[in-house]
Amino acid sequence: AWKFFDPVLKTWQDSDTQPYDYPAGAQSFPAADNLIESDGRKWRTIAEQ
């Protein structure tokens, strides 16, 4: 299993990119919205809160 995860972990360690922070339970966050909407797509709402 490590042969699959080691390259991912190495890439994360070598990258200056940080993961996006968003509140627990959030259905989306601005960076994800911008990405999906950049070519006219939209997220589907799974459940109303």
N, C-alpha and C. Protein backbone atom coordinates (compact mmCIF):
# COMPACT_ATOMS: atom_id res chain seq x y z
N ALA A 1 0.82 -1.20 0.00
CA ALA A 1 0.00 0.00 0.00
C ALA A 1 0.86 1.27 0.00
N TRP A 2 2.03 1.20 0.63
CA TRP A 2 2.88 2.40 0.70
C TRP A 2 3.40 2.82 -0.66
N LYS A 3 3.51 1.88 -1.61
CA LYS A 3 4.00 2.26 -2.94
C LYS A 3 3.03 3.22 -3.62
N PHE A 4 1.77 3.21 -3.20
CA PHE A 4 0.79 4.15 -3.74
C PHE A 4 0.80 5.47 -2.99
N PHE A 5 1.00 5.41 -1.68
CA PHE A 5 0.92 6.63 -0.86
C PHE A 5 2.23 7.40 -0.77
N ASP A 6 3.36 6.72 -0.86
CA ASP A 6 4.65 7.43 -0.77
C ASP A 6 4.79 8.55 -1.80
N PRO A 7 4.44 8.32 -3.09
CA PRO A 7 4.55 9.42 -4.05
C PRO A 7 3.63 10.60 -3.71
N VAL A 8 2.46 10.31 -3.20
CA VAL A 8 1.53 11.39 -2.81
C VAL A 8 2.11 12.18 -1.64
N LEU A 9 2.59 11.48 -0.63
CA LEU A 9 3.17 12.16 0.53
C LEU A 9 4.39 12.98 0.14
N LYS A 10 5.22 12.45 -0.75
CA LYS A 10 6.40 13.19 -1.20
C LYS A 10 6.00 14.45 -1.95
N THR A 11 5.01 14.34 -2.81
CA THR A 11 4.54 15.52 -3.55
C THR A 11 4.02 16.57 -2.59
N TRP A 12 3.26 16.17 -1.58
CA TRP A 12 2.74 17.13 -0.60
C TRP A 12 3.89 17.79 0.15
N GLN A 13 4.91 17.02 0.52
CA GLN A 13 6.04 17.58 1.26
C GLN A 13 6.84 18.56 0.41
N ASP A 14 6.95 18.29 -0.89
CA ASP A 14 7.75 19.12 -1.78
C ASP A 14 7.00 20.34 -2.32
N SER A 15 5.71 20.42 -2.04
CA SER A 15 4.88 21.48 -2.61
C SER A 15 4.75 22.66 -1.66
N ASP A 16 4.67 23.86 -2.24
CA ASP A 16 4.40 25.06 -1.44
C ASP A 16 2.91 25.32 -1.29
N THR A 17 2.09 24.55 -2.01
CA THR A 17 0.65 24.72 -1.97
C THR A 17 0.09 24.17 -0.66
N GLN A 18 -0.75 24.93 -0.03
CA GLN A 18 -1.39 24.51 1.21
C GLN A 18 -2.83 24.08 0.94
N PRO A 19 -3.35 23.13 1.70
CA PRO A 19 -4.75 22.75 1.52
C PRO A 19 -5.67 23.91 1.91
N TYR A 20 -6.84 23.94 1.30
CA TYR A 20 -7.81 24.97 1.64
C TYR A 20 -8.46 24.66 2.97
N ASP A 21 -8.68 25.69 3.76
CA ASP A 21 -9.34 25.55 5.06
C ASP A 21 -10.81 25.90 4.89
N TYR A 22 -11.68 25.06 5.41
CA TYR A 22 -13.11 25.33 5.35
C TYR A 22 -13.76 24.71 6.58
N PRO A 23 -14.92 25.24 6.98
CA PRO A 23 -15.56 24.75 8.20
C PRO A 23 -16.08 23.31 8.05
N ALA A 24 -16.02 22.57 9.13
CA ALA A 24 -16.56 21.21 9.13
C ALA A 24 -18.03 21.24 8.77
N GLY A 25 -18.45 20.33 7.94
CA GLY A 25 -19.84 20.25 7.54
C GLY A 25 -20.20 21.15 6.37
N ALA A 26 -19.24 21.94 5.90
CA ALA A 26 -19.52 22.83 4.76
C ALA A 26 -19.77 21.98 3.52
N GLN A 27 -20.75 22.38 2.73
CA GLN A 27 -21.01 21.65 1.49
C GLN A 27 -20.07 22.10 0.38
N SER A 28 -19.47 23.26 0.54
CA SER A 28 -18.54 23.76 -0.45
C SER A 28 -17.72 24.88 0.17
N PHE A 29 -16.81 25.44 -0.61
CA PHE A 29 -16.02 26.59 -0.18
C PHE A 29 -15.63 27.37 -1.42
N PRO A 30 -15.27 28.65 -1.29
CA PRO A 30 -15.06 29.50 -2.46
C PRO A 30 -14.12 28.93 -3.53
N ALA A 31 -13.00 28.34 -3.15
CA ALA A 31 -12.07 27.82 -4.16
C ALA A 31 -12.71 26.70 -4.98
N ALA A 32 -13.47 25.85 -4.33
CA ALA A 32 -14.15 24.77 -5.05
C ALA A 32 -15.24 25.32 -5.96
N ASP A 33 -15.97 26.32 -5.46
CA ASP A 33 -17.01 26.95 -6.28
C ASP A 33 -16.40 27.59 -7.52
N ASN A 34 -15.31 28.32 -7.35
CA ASN A 34 -14.65 28.97 -8.48
C ASN A 34 -14.17 27.94 -9.51
N LEU A 35 -13.62 26.84 -9.04
CA LEU A 35 -13.13 25.81 -9.95
C LEU A 35 -14.26 25.22 -10.78
N ILE A 36 -15.32 24.80 -10.13
CA ILE A 36 -16.40 24.11 -10.84
C ILE A 36 -17.19 25.06 -11.72
N GLU A 37 -17.32 26.33 -11.29
CA GLU A 37 -18.10 27.30 -12.07
C GLU A 37 -17.29 27.91 -13.21
N SER A 38 -15.98 27.67 -13.26
CA SER A 38 -15.14 28.29 -14.28
C SER A 38 -15.50 27.84 -15.70
N ASP A 39 -16.15 26.69 -15.83
CA ASP A 39 -16.58 26.27 -17.17
C ASP A 39 -18.08 26.00 -17.23
N GLY A 40 -18.83 26.72 -16.37
CA GLY A 40 -20.28 26.69 -16.45
C GLY A 40 -20.98 25.57 -15.69
N ARG A 41 -20.24 24.79 -14.91
CA ARG A 41 -20.89 23.73 -14.13
C ARG A 41 -21.33 24.26 -12.77
N LYS A 42 -22.17 23.49 -12.08
CA LYS A 42 -22.64 23.86 -10.75
C LYS A 42 -22.65 22.63 -9.86
N TRP A 43 -22.49 22.85 -8.56
CA TRP A 43 -22.61 21.77 -7.59
C TRP A 43 -24.08 21.43 -7.42
N ARG A 44 -24.36 20.18 -7.14
CA ARG A 44 -25.71 19.77 -6.78
C ARG A 44 -25.83 19.79 -5.27
N THR A 45 -26.96 20.24 -4.76
CA THR A 45 -27.21 20.24 -3.33
C THR A 45 -27.63 18.84 -2.91
N ILE A 46 -26.90 18.26 -1.97
CA ILE A 46 -27.20 16.90 -1.53
C ILE A 46 -28.37 16.90 -0.55
N ALA A 47 -28.34 17.81 0.41
CA ALA A 47 -29.40 17.89 1.41
C ALA A 47 -29.51 19.32 1.90
N GLU A 48 -30.71 19.73 2.19
CA GLU A 48 -30.92 21.06 2.76
C GLU A 48 -30.58 21.00 4.24
N GLN A 49 -29.96 22.07 4.74
CA GLN A 49 -29.60 22.10 6.16
C GLN A 49 -30.49 23.05 6.89
